[in-house]
Amino acid sequence: MTRRTLAILILIPFTILSLYAVVKVGYLGIFDYHRHSPAGWQVFTDLVIACILLLALIIPEAKRRGINPWPFVLLTLVLGSFGPLAYFVYAGSDSTSKT
């Protein structure tokens, strides 16, 4: 299974779940849920760390492949995992340089 295929298989149900959550509690409501307990803080912090680590891998790879990484960085900052997933769908499964 390619990286692109895996990203699409994750992105579709994750998008549906995210849209459902936003409809039910709103965009800010998703963040509000995590501020009420140390367990919520831990989950949110874990997501932030995972996204930072992914960006640390994606930015140099994108530059090496001649892809502008900043749309994916901004998407990650605003929508979390959607940024890396979008990059993997866009960039495809080949992680070698496009030259």
Protein backbone atom coordinates (compact mmCIF):
# COMPACT_ATOMS: atom_id res chain seq x y z
CA MET A 1 0.00 0.00 0.00
CA THR A 2 1.42 3.38 -0.95
CA ARG A 3 1.69 6.35 1.36
CA ARG A 4 -0.84 8.21 -0.80
CA THR A 5 -3.38 5.36 -0.59
CA LEU A 6 -2.97 5.10 3.17
CA ALA A 7 -3.39 8.87 3.57
CA ILE A 8 -6.60 8.79 1.49
CA LEU A 9 -7.96 5.84 3.48
CA ILE A 10 -7.36 7.78 6.70
CA LEU A 11 -8.39 11.18 5.35
CA ILE A 12 -11.89 10.19 4.21
CA PRO A 13 -13.28 8.83 7.51
CA PHE A 14 -11.30 11.41 9.50
CA THR A 15 -12.88 14.21 7.46
CA ILE A 16 -16.35 12.79 8.07
CA LEU A 17 -15.69 12.46 11.81
CA SER A 18 -14.24 15.98 11.97
CA LEU A 19 -17.18 17.51 10.11
CA TYR A 20 -19.57 15.70 12.46
CA ALA A 21 -17.68 17.04 15.50
CA VAL A 22 -17.64 20.61 14.14
CA VAL A 23 -21.38 20.46 13.40
CA LYS A 24 -22.09 19.17 16.93
CA VAL A 25 -19.78 21.41 19.00
CA GLY A 26 -18.24 23.96 16.63
CA TYR A 27 -14.58 24.44 15.75
CA LEU A 28 -13.72 26.04 19.10
CA GLY A 29 -15.76 23.43 20.93
CA ILE A 30 -13.26 20.79 19.86
CA PHE A 31 -10.51 22.71 21.69
CA ASP A 32 -12.77 23.53 24.64
CA TYR A 33 -13.34 19.83 25.33
CA HIS A 34 -9.63 19.35 26.06
CA ARG A 35 -9.17 22.22 28.51
CA HIS A 36 -11.27 20.73 31.32
CA SER A 37 -8.93 18.00 32.57
CA PRO A 38 -5.28 16.99 32.66
CA ALA A 39 -6.18 14.02 30.44
CA GLY A 40 -7.49 16.45 27.82
CA TRP A 41 -4.34 18.56 28.10
CA GLN A 42 -2.24 15.45 27.57
CA VAL A 43 -4.17 14.39 24.45
CA PHE A 44 -4.00 17.89 22.97
CA THR A 45 -0.28 18.20 23.77
CA ASP A 46 0.33 14.79 22.18
CA LEU A 47 -1.41 15.96 18.98
CA VAL A 48 0.68 19.14 18.90
CA ILE A 49 3.92 17.16 19.38
CA ALA A 50 2.96 14.66 16.66
CA CYS A 51 2.16 17.47 14.22
CA ILE A 52 5.44 19.26 14.97
CA LEU A 53 7.39 16.05 14.38
CA LEU A 54 5.56 15.44 11.11
CA LEU A 55 6.27 18.99 9.96
CA ALA A 56 9.95 18.51 10.84
CA LEU A 57 9.97 15.61 8.36
CA ILE A 58 7.63 17.08 5.75
CA ILE A 59 9.25 20.52 5.33
CA PRO A 60 12.71 19.29 4.25
CA GLU A 61 11.20 16.50 2.12
CA ALA A 62 8.88 18.93 0.36
CA LYS A 63 11.74 21.36 -0.32
CA ARG A 64 13.89 18.50 -1.65
CA ARG A 65 11.05 17.52 -4.00
CA GLY A 66 10.41 21.08 -5.17
CA ILE A 67 7.06 21.34 -3.34
CA ASN A 68 6.16 24.50 -1.40
CA PRO A 69 5.70 23.22 2.19
CA TRP A 70 3.99 26.35 3.58
CA PRO A 71 0.40 25.55 2.54
CA PHE A 72 0.76 22.25 4.43
CA VAL A 73 2.34 23.99 7.43
CA LEU A 74 -0.55 26.49 7.59
CA LEU A 75 -3.10 23.71 7.16
CA THR A 76 -1.46 21.82 10.03
CA LEU A 77 -1.48 24.88 12.29
CA VAL A 78 -5.19 25.49 11.62
CA LEU A 79 -6.54 21.95 11.17
CA GLY A 80 -3.99 19.62 12.77
CA SER A 81 -3.57 16.26 11.05
CA PHE A 82 -5.25 17.48 7.86
CA GLY A 83 -1.97 19.21 6.90
CA PRO A 84 0.26 16.13 6.91
CA LEU A 85 -2.49 14.00 5.38
CA ALA A 86 -2.98 16.53 2.59
CA TYR A 87 0.78 16.56 1.98
CA PHE A 88 0.92 12.77 1.71
CA VAL A 89 -2.01 12.76 -0.72
CA TYR A 90 -0.50 15.60 -2.79
CA ALA A 91 3.09 14.40 -2.78
CA GLY A 92 2.27 10.77 -3.54
CA SER A 93 3.99 7.63 -2.40
CA ASP A 94 7.46 8.24 -3.85
CA SER A 95 9.65 9.91 -1.24
CA THR A 96 12.59 10.41 -3.61
CA SER A 97 13.52 13.70 -5.19
CA LYS A 98 11.60 14.94 -8.26
CA THR A 99 14.47 15.78 -10.58
